[in-house]
Amino acid sequence: MSRVISQSFILTLLTLLLFNGCQTTQSCCDSDKRGFVSLFDGKDFTHWDNSDGVWSIEDGAMVSGDLDKVAEKFSWLYTYNTFKDFELHLEAKIVGDLYRNSGIWYRATPFLFTGHDEDEEEDEQGEADEPKEEEMEDEGEPEEEDEWQPFMAPAAYEFDMFVIEQEEYDLEQAEAQEHEEEMDEEESEEEDDGFEWVVGNYWGSIGDWFVRPNYRHLGDQEKLNKAFKPLGWNSIVIRCQGNHLQHWVNGELVLDHVDNSPQAHTEGKIGLQVHDGTKMKAYFKNIKIKEL
């Protein structure tokens, strides 16, 4: 009799332990239980190429930019590894002036950007044009200090992070109008990138600026107005599987997009960006990824 009771007691105890274990698994963060790997532990750049020393670590976040000095060029921080299909989780915030602008580039392949060609949209391969020989010839004239120079940039999707306020839009329009008046009609048409920038929240929008300047899809403005924190930390999720691309901001699915273009990106690095022409700082933390 005592043996039967003992066996019954043991079975009951095991059942309770298994039940409690299941409950614990459900109540804790599922992410770490489902194969996510940390890309940043808040302490060092183990998974990131910071060889130029532009980025630093402050209070457990990767940081770049300057609030007192206008950035003269773009800055990217890339992972060493490349990724294909994945789900990326992180937190980000940007502070600074009216023009503060950052982004998360994924499936990125850095290349030498020599400017946008008017026929780029018809280039099925999406490859950067080689610098034209005549453009590289030395004519013997001294080079102006402010002359535009080619630079390394990503061929990639971008989860954009900026807002065009009415004040900024008005300033940009005034500058564009002044610029057009200084150019003839033919040159003005060549300058048109084909995308009409409007006042709105571009966080969570998708672009491919350096390869396909016309490729731009905005996030759901109603959801962004509800979820977005202008100066606070924003929780971001990027999920891409094949050509199906999804962006979340603070739990809201703001973009659900399928890229059927032959120029669609399939694999590459993850890059964090600070834009030029602005006094700002960008912060990123709690970065983890799961390959699908």
Foldseek 3Di string as FASTA:
>chain_A
DVVVVVVVVVVVVVVVVVVVVVVVCVVDDCQVVPFKDFCFPLPDNPFKPCVVVQWDGDPSWIKHFAQVDFFAFKDKIWGPDKAFFKKKKWKKFKDHDQPWWKKKWHLWDKDWQPDDDPCLVVPQQLDHDDPDPVVPDDPPDDDDPPDDDIDIDIQTKIQIFHFNAPVNVVVVVVVLVVVPVVDDPVVNVVPDLQADDDGAGQGRWIDRCRRRVNDIDGWARVVCVVQPDRGDMWMWMWGDDQQWTWIDTNRRTGDTDGDPGSNDRGMTIMMIMTGGRTRMMMIMHPIIMHHD
